Amino acid sequence: MHMQHAVDVDWDWDHPTDPLPGPRLDHVRSYVATAGADGHLWHGVPTLLLTTVDRETGRTVRTPLIYGEDADAGRLILVAAAYGAPHHPAWYLNLVAHSEVRVQLGAASFRATARTATPVERETYWEAMTALWPAYDDYQAAAAPHRELPLVLVER
């Protein structure tokens, strides 16, 4: 019996599962419908839509996330915050299992690779991310006994 490897799979990037009904789903729908014109800026901060492959079902899943940018390095920076919960968010566990992702940034959509930042990279970018969204410090304090909030670097 031939086992199919992840690289052989044709993921359905065009029909991802969206968040459950509520503010996050509303955000995704308005972002998609307006090519980011309504939704790229959320509470004054830039957001993107990250599509990952669900590590359990193999279906693609889309999540709205705040992002930072290191234009010189050509990378986007995400924080796997989950509001300071004791466990990593599903989207982060998905990209750890399968690093290929899709990003919608405003009107642009592109393939990318996502990975956890090294400790040095995390230290480099953490201050910029908390300057962008100060609640990340609160989320880290809440998560501290259980986990360090990973920073994720997304590169085309």
N, C-alpha and C. Protein backbone atom coordinates (compact mmCIF):
# COMPACT_ATOMS: atom_id res chain seq x y z
N MET A 1 0.85 -1.19 0.00
CA MET A 1 0.00 0.00 0.00
C MET A 1 0.89 1.24 0.00
N HIS A 2 0.61 2.18 -0.87
CA HIS A 2 1.40 3.40 -1.00
C HIS A 2 0.88 4.46 -0.04
N MET A 3 1.75 4.95 0.80
CA MET A 3 1.37 6.03 1.72
C MET A 3 1.57 7.37 1.02
N GLN A 4 0.60 8.22 1.15
CA GLN A 4 0.72 9.53 0.51
C GLN A 4 1.43 10.49 1.46
N HIS A 5 2.44 11.14 0.95
CA HIS A 5 3.19 12.09 1.77
C HIS A 5 2.54 13.47 1.68
N ALA A 6 2.79 14.28 2.69
CA ALA A 6 2.16 15.61 2.76
C ALA A 6 2.44 16.42 1.50
N VAL A 7 3.62 16.28 0.92
CA VAL A 7 3.95 17.09 -0.25
C VAL A 7 3.11 16.70 -1.47
N ASP A 8 2.54 15.48 -1.45
CA ASP A 8 1.73 15.02 -2.57
C ASP A 8 0.28 15.50 -2.47
N VAL A 9 -0.12 15.94 -1.32
CA VAL A 9 -1.52 16.29 -1.09
C VAL A 9 -1.84 17.64 -1.72
N ASP A 10 -2.98 17.71 -2.36
CA ASP A 10 -3.44 18.98 -2.93
C ASP A 10 -4.46 19.58 -1.98
N TRP A 11 -3.99 20.40 -1.06
CA TRP A 11 -4.88 21.00 -0.05
C TRP A 11 -5.86 21.94 -0.74
N ASP A 12 -7.05 22.04 -0.20
CA ASP A 12 -8.07 22.93 -0.77
C ASP A 12 -7.94 24.31 -0.13
N TRP A 13 -7.01 25.10 -0.66
CA TRP A 13 -6.74 26.43 -0.10
C TRP A 13 -7.86 27.41 -0.41
N ASP A 14 -8.67 27.13 -1.42
CA ASP A 14 -9.69 28.08 -1.86
C ASP A 14 -11.00 27.99 -1.07
N HIS A 15 -11.15 26.95 -0.27
CA HIS A 15 -12.40 26.78 0.49
C HIS A 15 -12.11 26.44 1.95
N PRO A 16 -11.44 27.37 2.67
CA PRO A 16 -11.09 27.07 4.06
C PRO A 16 -12.30 27.13 4.98
N THR A 17 -12.17 26.46 6.10
CA THR A 17 -13.15 26.58 7.18
C THR A 17 -12.89 27.89 7.90
N ASP A 18 -13.93 28.65 8.14
CA ASP A 18 -13.81 29.93 8.82
C ASP A 18 -14.19 29.80 10.30
N PRO A 19 -13.89 30.82 11.11
CA PRO A 19 -14.24 30.76 12.54
C PRO A 19 -15.73 30.53 12.75
N LEU A 20 -16.07 30.08 13.94
CA LEU A 20 -17.47 29.92 14.31
C LEU A 20 -18.16 31.29 14.30
N PRO A 21 -19.50 31.32 14.15
CA PRO A 21 -20.20 32.61 14.12
C PRO A 21 -19.83 33.49 15.31
N GLY A 22 -19.62 34.76 15.01
CA GLY A 22 -19.22 35.72 16.03
C GLY A 22 -18.33 36.79 15.42
N PRO A 23 -17.69 37.60 16.24
CA PRO A 23 -16.88 38.72 15.74
C PRO A 23 -15.73 38.28 14.81
N ARG A 24 -15.10 37.15 15.08
CA ARG A 24 -13.99 36.72 14.23
C ARG A 24 -14.49 36.33 12.84
N LEU A 25 -15.64 35.66 12.78
CA LEU A 25 -16.21 35.30 11.48
C LEU A 25 -16.62 36.56 10.72
N ASP A 26 -17.23 37.51 11.43
CA ASP A 26 -17.62 38.78 10.79
C ASP A 26 -16.38 39.47 10.21
N HIS A 27 -15.28 39.44 10.96
CA HIS A 27 -14.03 40.06 10.52
C HIS A 27 -13.55 39.39 9.23
N VAL A 28 -13.50 38.05 9.22
CA VAL A 28 -13.04 37.31 8.04
C VAL A 28 -13.93 37.63 6.84
N ARG A 29 -15.24 37.59 7.04
CA ARG A 29 -16.16 37.81 5.91
C ARG A 29 -16.02 39.20 5.31
N SER A 30 -15.93 40.23 6.16
CA SER A 30 -15.79 41.58 5.62
C SER A 30 -14.42 41.76 4.96
N TYR A 31 -13.38 41.14 5.52
CA TYR A 31 -12.03 41.20 4.95
C TYR A 31 -12.04 40.61 3.54
N VAL A 32 -12.61 39.40 3.42
CA VAL A 32 -12.64 38.72 2.12
C VAL A 32 -13.51 39.48 1.12
N ALA A 33 -14.67 39.93 1.55
CA ALA A 33 -15.62 40.59 0.64
C ALA A 33 -15.08 41.90 0.08
N THR A 34 -14.22 42.57 0.84
CA THR A 34 -13.72 43.89 0.42
C THR A 34 -12.23 43.86 0.08
N ALA A 35 -11.65 42.67 -0.07
CA ALA A 35 -10.22 42.53 -0.33
C ALA A 35 -9.38 43.29 0.69
N GLY A 36 -9.84 43.24 1.93
CA GLY A 36 -9.08 43.85 3.02
C GLY A 36 -9.38 45.32 3.28
N ALA A 37 -10.15 45.97 2.38
CA ALA A 37 -10.45 47.38 2.59
C ALA A 37 -11.18 47.57 3.92
N ASP A 38 -12.08 46.63 4.24
CA ASP A 38 -12.77 46.62 5.53
C ASP A 38 -12.26 45.39 6.27
N GLY A 39 -11.37 45.59 7.20
CA GLY A 39 -10.86 44.46 7.96
C GLY A 39 -9.35 44.43 8.10
N HIS A 40 -8.63 45.00 7.11
CA HIS A 40 -7.16 45.00 7.26
C HIS A 40 -6.77 45.74 8.53
N LEU A 41 -7.35 46.90 8.74
CA LEU A 41 -7.14 47.60 10.01
C LEU A 41 -8.26 47.22 10.96
N TRP A 42 -7.90 46.67 12.10
CA TRP A 42 -8.84 46.21 13.11
C TRP A 42 -8.42 46.83 14.43
N HIS A 43 -9.28 47.64 15.04
CA HIS A 43 -8.93 48.36 16.27
C HIS A 43 -7.61 49.11 16.11
N GLY A 44 -7.38 49.62 14.89
CA GLY A 44 -6.20 50.43 14.62
C GLY A 44 -4.93 49.66 14.32
N VAL A 45 -4.99 48.34 14.31
CA VAL A 45 -3.79 47.54 14.01
C VAL A 45 -3.99 46.72 12.75
N PRO A 46 -2.90 46.43 12.03
CA PRO A 46 -3.02 45.66 10.78
C PRO A 46 -3.28 44.18 11.05
N THR A 47 -4.17 43.61 10.24
CA THR A 47 -4.45 42.18 10.35
C THR A 47 -4.34 41.52 8.99
N LEU A 48 -4.12 40.22 9.04
CA LEU A 48 -4.11 39.39 7.83
C LEU A 48 -4.99 38.18 8.10
N LEU A 49 -5.23 37.42 7.05
CA LEU A 49 -5.94 36.16 7.19
C LEU A 49 -4.92 35.05 6.93
N LEU A 50 -4.74 34.19 7.90
CA LEU A 50 -3.81 33.07 7.79
C LEU A 50 -4.60 31.78 7.60
N THR A 51 -4.28 31.06 6.54
CA THR A 51 -4.91 29.76 6.31
C THR A 51 -3.87 28.67 6.54
N THR A 52 -4.21 27.76 7.46
CA THR A 52 -3.35 26.64 7.80
C THR A 52 -4.07 25.34 7.46
N VAL A 53 -3.32 24.24 7.48
CA VAL A 53 -3.91 22.92 7.28
C VAL A 53 -4.17 22.32 8.66
N ASP A 54 -5.43 22.01 8.95
CA ASP A 54 -5.77 21.41 10.24
C ASP A 54 -5.01 20.09 10.40
N ARG A 55 -4.27 20.00 11.49
CA ARG A 55 -3.39 18.85 11.71
C ARG A 55 -4.16 17.56 11.93
N GLU A 56 -5.45 17.65 12.26
CA GLU A 56 -6.24 16.44 12.52
C GLU A 56 -7.13 16.06 11.34
N THR A 57 -7.72 17.05 10.68
CA THR A 57 -8.70 16.75 9.61
C THR A 57 -8.11 16.89 8.21
N GLY A 58 -7.00 17.63 8.06
CA GLY A 58 -6.45 17.89 6.73
C GLY A 58 -7.19 18.97 5.97
N ARG A 59 -8.21 19.56 6.60
CA ARG A 59 -8.94 20.65 5.94
C ARG A 59 -8.22 21.97 6.22
N THR A 60 -8.36 22.92 5.30
CA THR A 60 -7.75 24.22 5.51
C THR A 60 -8.66 25.07 6.40
N VAL A 61 -8.02 25.89 7.23
CA VAL A 61 -8.72 26.69 8.23
C VAL A 61 -8.16 28.11 8.17
N ARG A 62 -9.07 29.09 8.16
CA ARG A 62 -8.66 30.50 8.02
C ARG A 62 -8.90 31.24 9.34
N THR A 63 -7.89 32.04 9.74
CA THR A 63 -7.92 32.75 11.01
C THR A 63 -7.46 34.19 10.81
N PRO A 64 -8.21 35.18 11.35
CA PRO A 64 -7.72 36.56 11.29
C PRO A 64 -6.72 36.81 12.43
N LEU A 65 -5.60 37.43 12.10
CA LEU A 65 -4.55 37.66 13.10
C LEU A 65 -3.90 39.03 12.91
N ILE A 66 -3.52 39.62 14.03
CA ILE A 66 -2.69 40.83 14.00
C ILE A 66 -1.31 40.43 13.51
N TYR A 67 -0.68 41.30 12.72
CA TYR A 67 0.68 40.98 12.27
C TYR A 67 1.57 42.21 12.36
N GLY A 68 2.85 41.93 12.53
CA GLY A 68 3.90 42.92 12.39
C GLY A 68 4.68 42.58 11.14
N GLU A 69 5.58 43.45 10.75
CA GLU A 69 6.31 43.23 9.51
C GLU A 69 7.76 43.65 9.67
N ASP A 70 8.65 42.80 9.19
CA ASP A 70 10.06 43.16 9.05
C ASP A 70 10.30 43.20 7.55
N ALA A 71 10.09 44.36 6.96
CA ALA A 71 10.17 44.50 5.50
C ALA A 71 11.57 44.19 4.99
N ASP A 72 12.60 44.56 5.76
CA ASP A 72 13.97 44.31 5.33
C ASP A 72 14.24 42.81 5.19
N ALA A 73 13.69 42.02 6.10
CA ALA A 73 13.90 40.57 6.07
C ALA A 73 12.82 39.87 5.23
N GLY A 74 11.80 40.64 4.79
CA GLY A 74 10.74 40.05 3.99
C GLY A 74 9.89 39.07 4.76
N ARG A 75 9.59 39.40 6.01
CA ARG A 75 8.81 38.47 6.81
C ARG A 75 7.71 39.18 7.58
N LEU A 76 6.67 38.42 7.84
CA LEU A 76 5.57 38.86 8.69
C LEU A 76 5.73 38.19 10.05
N ILE A 77 5.28 38.86 11.09
CA ILE A 77 5.44 38.35 12.45
C ILE A 77 4.07 38.22 13.09
N LEU A 78 3.80 37.04 13.66
CA LEU A 78 2.55 36.76 14.35
C LEU A 78 2.87 36.32 15.77
N VAL A 79 1.89 36.50 16.66
CA VAL A 79 2.05 36.02 18.04
C VAL A 79 0.98 34.96 18.30
N ALA A 80 1.40 33.78 18.73
CA ALA A 80 0.46 32.70 19.05
C ALA A 80 -0.04 32.91 20.47
N ALA A 81 -0.88 33.93 20.64
CA ALA A 81 -1.26 34.40 21.97
C ALA A 81 -2.41 33.61 22.60
N ALA A 82 -3.48 33.37 21.84
CA ALA A 82 -4.68 32.73 22.38
C ALA A 82 -5.15 33.42 23.65
N TYR A 83 -5.01 34.74 23.68
CA TYR A 83 -5.45 35.56 24.82
C TYR A 83 -4.84 35.12 26.15
N GLY A 84 -3.66 34.48 26.09
CA GLY A 84 -3.00 34.06 27.32
C GLY A 84 -3.48 32.72 27.86
N ALA A 85 -4.20 31.96 27.06
CA ALA A 85 -4.67 30.64 27.49
C ALA A 85 -3.48 29.72 27.78
N PRO A 86 -3.70 28.67 28.57
CA PRO A 86 -2.59 27.77 28.89
C PRO A 86 -2.11 26.92 27.71
N HIS A 87 -2.90 26.84 26.65
CA HIS A 87 -2.54 26.03 25.49
C HIS A 87 -2.36 26.89 24.26
N HIS A 88 -1.50 26.44 23.35
CA HIS A 88 -1.28 27.15 22.10
C HIS A 88 -2.57 27.14 21.26
N PRO A 89 -2.78 28.20 20.45
CA PRO A 89 -3.96 28.21 19.58
C PRO A 89 -3.84 27.14 18.49
N ALA A 90 -4.99 26.69 17.99
CA ALA A 90 -5.03 25.63 16.97
C ALA A 90 -4.23 26.02 15.73
N TRP A 91 -4.34 27.28 15.29
CA TRP A 91 -3.63 27.68 14.07
C TRP A 91 -2.12 27.49 14.22
N TYR A 92 -1.60 27.73 15.43
CA TYR A 92 -0.17 27.56 15.66
C TYR A 92 0.21 26.08 15.61
N LEU A 93 -0.56 25.24 16.28
CA LEU A 93 -0.29 23.80 16.25
C LEU A 93 -0.38 23.27 14.83
N ASN A 94 -1.29 23.83 14.04
CA ASN A 94 -1.42 23.42 12.64
C ASN A 94 -0.15 23.72 11.85
N LEU A 95 0.39 24.93 12.00
CA LEU A 95 1.56 25.29 11.18
C LEU A 95 2.83 24.62 11.69
N VAL A 96 2.85 24.24 12.96
CA VAL A 96 3.98 23.45 13.44
C VAL A 96 3.96 22.09 12.74
N ALA A 97 2.77 21.52 12.54
CA ALA A 97 2.63 20.22 11.89
C ALA A 97 2.82 20.31 10.38
N HIS A 98 2.43 21.46 9.78
CA HIS A 98 2.50 21.63 8.32
C HIS A 98 2.82 23.09 8.06
N SER A 99 4.06 23.37 7.68
CA SER A 99 4.55 24.76 7.63
C SER A 99 4.05 25.56 6.43
N GLU A 100 3.49 24.89 5.42
CA GLU A 100 2.98 25.64 4.27
C GLU A 100 1.66 26.29 4.66
N VAL A 101 1.54 27.59 4.40
CA VAL A 101 0.34 28.35 4.73
C VAL A 101 -0.03 29.22 3.55
N ARG A 102 -1.21 29.80 3.63
CA ARG A 102 -1.63 30.84 2.69
C ARG A 102 -1.93 32.09 3.51
N VAL A 103 -1.60 33.23 2.93
CA VAL A 103 -1.80 34.51 3.60
C VAL A 103 -2.63 35.41 2.69
N GLN A 104 -3.64 36.06 3.26
CA GLN A 104 -4.29 37.17 2.55
C GLN A 104 -3.93 38.42 3.32
N LEU A 105 -3.24 39.32 2.63
CA LEU A 105 -2.78 40.57 3.21
C LEU A 105 -3.38 41.68 2.36
N GLY A 106 -4.46 42.28 2.84
CA GLY A 106 -5.20 43.23 2.02
C GLY A 106 -5.77 42.48 0.83
N ALA A 107 -5.52 42.97 -0.38
CA ALA A 107 -6.03 42.32 -1.59
C ALA A 107 -5.13 41.18 -2.06
N ALA A 108 -3.91 41.14 -1.56
CA ALA A 108 -2.93 40.14 -2.03
C ALA A 108 -3.08 38.83 -1.28
N SER A 109 -2.99 37.73 -2.03
CA SER A 109 -2.95 36.39 -1.42
C SER A 109 -1.71 35.69 -1.94
N PHE A 110 -1.03 34.97 -1.06
CA PHE A 110 0.19 34.30 -1.48
C PHE A 110 0.49 33.10 -0.59
N ARG A 111 1.27 32.17 -1.16
CA ARG A 111 1.77 31.02 -0.42
C ARG A 111 2.94 31.48 0.43
N ALA A 112 3.11 30.84 1.57
CA ALA A 112 4.23 31.19 2.45
C ALA A 112 4.59 29.99 3.31
N THR A 113 5.70 30.14 3.99
CA THR A 113 6.14 29.15 4.96
C THR A 113 6.16 29.82 6.32
N ALA A 114 5.63 29.14 7.32
CA ALA A 114 5.57 29.69 8.67
C ALA A 114 6.40 28.81 9.60
N ARG A 115 7.10 29.46 10.52
CA ARG A 115 7.90 28.71 11.49
C ARG A 115 7.96 29.49 12.79
N THR A 116 8.24 28.77 13.86
CA THR A 116 8.41 29.40 15.16
C THR A 116 9.73 30.16 15.17
N ALA A 117 9.69 31.37 15.68
CA ALA A 117 10.91 32.17 15.80
C ALA A 117 11.87 31.51 16.79
N THR A 118 13.15 31.65 16.52
CA THR A 118 14.17 31.19 17.47
C THR A 118 14.11 32.11 18.70
N PRO A 119 14.72 31.70 19.82
CA PRO A 119 14.73 32.59 20.99
C PRO A 119 15.31 33.97 20.69
N VAL A 120 16.35 34.04 19.88
CA VAL A 120 16.95 35.34 19.53
C VAL A 120 15.98 36.15 18.67
N GLU A 121 15.35 35.52 17.70
CA GLU A 121 14.36 36.23 16.87
C GLU A 121 13.18 36.70 17.72
N ARG A 122 12.73 35.87 18.65
CA ARG A 122 11.62 36.25 19.52
C ARG A 122 11.98 37.51 20.31
N GLU A 123 13.20 37.50 20.86
CA GLU A 123 13.66 38.65 21.63
C GLU A 123 13.74 39.89 20.73
N THR A 124 14.18 39.69 19.49
CA THR A 124 14.30 40.80 18.54
C THR A 124 12.95 41.45 18.25
N TYR A 125 11.91 40.62 18.08
CA TYR A 125 10.61 41.13 17.62
C TYR A 125 9.57 41.37 18.71
N TRP A 126 9.78 40.82 19.89
CA TRP A 126 8.74 40.89 20.93
C TRP A 126 8.34 42.34 21.24
N GLU A 127 9.32 43.20 21.41
CA GLU A 127 9.02 44.59 21.77
C GLU A 127 8.19 45.29 20.69
N ALA A 128 8.51 45.04 19.44
CA ALA A 128 7.74 45.65 18.35
C ALA A 128 6.30 45.14 18.36
N MET A 129 6.12 43.85 18.66
CA MET A 129 4.77 43.30 18.66
C MET A 129 3.96 43.82 19.85
N THR A 130 4.60 43.99 21.01
CA THR A 130 3.86 44.54 22.15
C THR A 130 3.62 46.04 21.99
N ALA A 131 4.46 46.71 21.23
CA ALA A 131 4.21 48.12 20.93
C ALA A 131 2.98 48.23 20.02
N LEU A 132 2.84 47.27 19.12
CA LEU A 132 1.71 47.24 18.21
C LEU A 132 0.42 46.88 18.96
N TRP A 133 0.49 45.88 19.82
CA TRP A 133 -0.68 45.37 20.56
C TRP A 133 -0.24 45.12 22.00
N PRO A 134 -0.32 46.16 22.88
CA PRO A 134 0.19 46.03 24.25
C PRO A 134 -0.39 44.86 25.04
N ALA A 135 -1.58 44.41 24.70
CA ALA A 135 -2.19 43.29 25.43
C ALA A 135 -1.35 42.02 25.34
N TYR A 136 -0.43 41.92 24.36
CA TYR A 136 0.42 40.72 24.30
C TYR A 136 1.20 40.53 25.60
N ASP A 137 1.63 41.63 26.24
CA ASP A 137 2.31 41.50 27.52
C ASP A 137 1.39 40.90 28.58
N ASP A 138 0.13 41.32 28.57
CA ASP A 138 -0.85 40.77 29.51
C ASP A 138 -1.11 39.30 29.22
N TYR A 139 -1.22 38.96 27.94
CA TYR A 139 -1.45 37.56 27.56
C TYR A 139 -0.27 36.70 28.00
N GLN A 140 0.96 37.22 27.82
CA GLN A 140 2.14 36.45 28.23
C GLN A 140 2.14 36.25 29.74
N ALA A 141 1.77 37.30 30.48
CA ALA A 141 1.72 37.18 31.94
C ALA A 141 0.71 36.11 32.35
N ALA A 142 -0.44 36.08 31.67
CA ALA A 142 -1.48 35.09 32.00
C ALA A 142 -1.03 33.67 31.64
N ALA A 143 -0.29 33.53 30.55
CA ALA A 143 0.14 32.21 30.08
C ALA A 143 1.40 31.72 30.78
N ALA A 144 2.11 32.65 31.43
CA ALA A 144 3.47 32.39 31.93
C ALA A 144 3.65 31.09 32.70
N PRO A 145 2.75 30.71 33.60
CA PRO A 145 3.06 29.46 34.30
C PRO A 145 3.04 28.23 33.38
N HIS A 146 2.38 28.35 32.24
CA HIS A 146 2.18 27.19 31.36
C HIS A 146 3.03 27.24 30.10
N ARG A 147 3.19 28.44 29.52
CA ARG A 147 3.87 28.49 28.23
C ARG A 147 4.39 29.89 27.92
N GLU A 148 5.39 29.94 27.05
CA GLU A 148 5.84 31.20 26.47
C GLU A 148 5.09 31.37 25.16
N LEU A 149 4.55 32.54 24.91
CA LEU A 149 3.82 32.77 23.68
C LEU A 149 4.80 32.73 22.51
N PRO A 150 4.63 31.80 21.59
CA PRO A 150 5.53 31.73 20.45
C PRO A 150 5.33 32.90 19.49
N LEU A 151 6.42 33.39 18.93
CA LEU A 151 6.35 34.28 17.78
C LEU A 151 6.51 33.42 16.55
N VAL A 152 5.75 33.74 15.52
CA VAL A 152 5.79 32.99 14.27
C VAL A 152 6.28 33.91 13.17
N LEU A 153 7.22 33.43 12.38
CA LEU A 153 7.73 34.18 11.24
C LEU A 153 7.17 33.55 9.98
N VAL A 154 6.59 34.39 9.14
CA VAL A 154 5.96 33.94 7.89
C VAL A 154 6.75 34.56 6.74
N GLU A 155 7.24 33.71 5.87
CA GLU A 155 8.05 34.18 4.74
C GLU A 155 7.55 33.56 3.45
N ARG A 156 7.53 34.38 2.39
CA ARG A 156 7.09 33.89 1.08
C ARG A 156 8.04 32.83 0.56
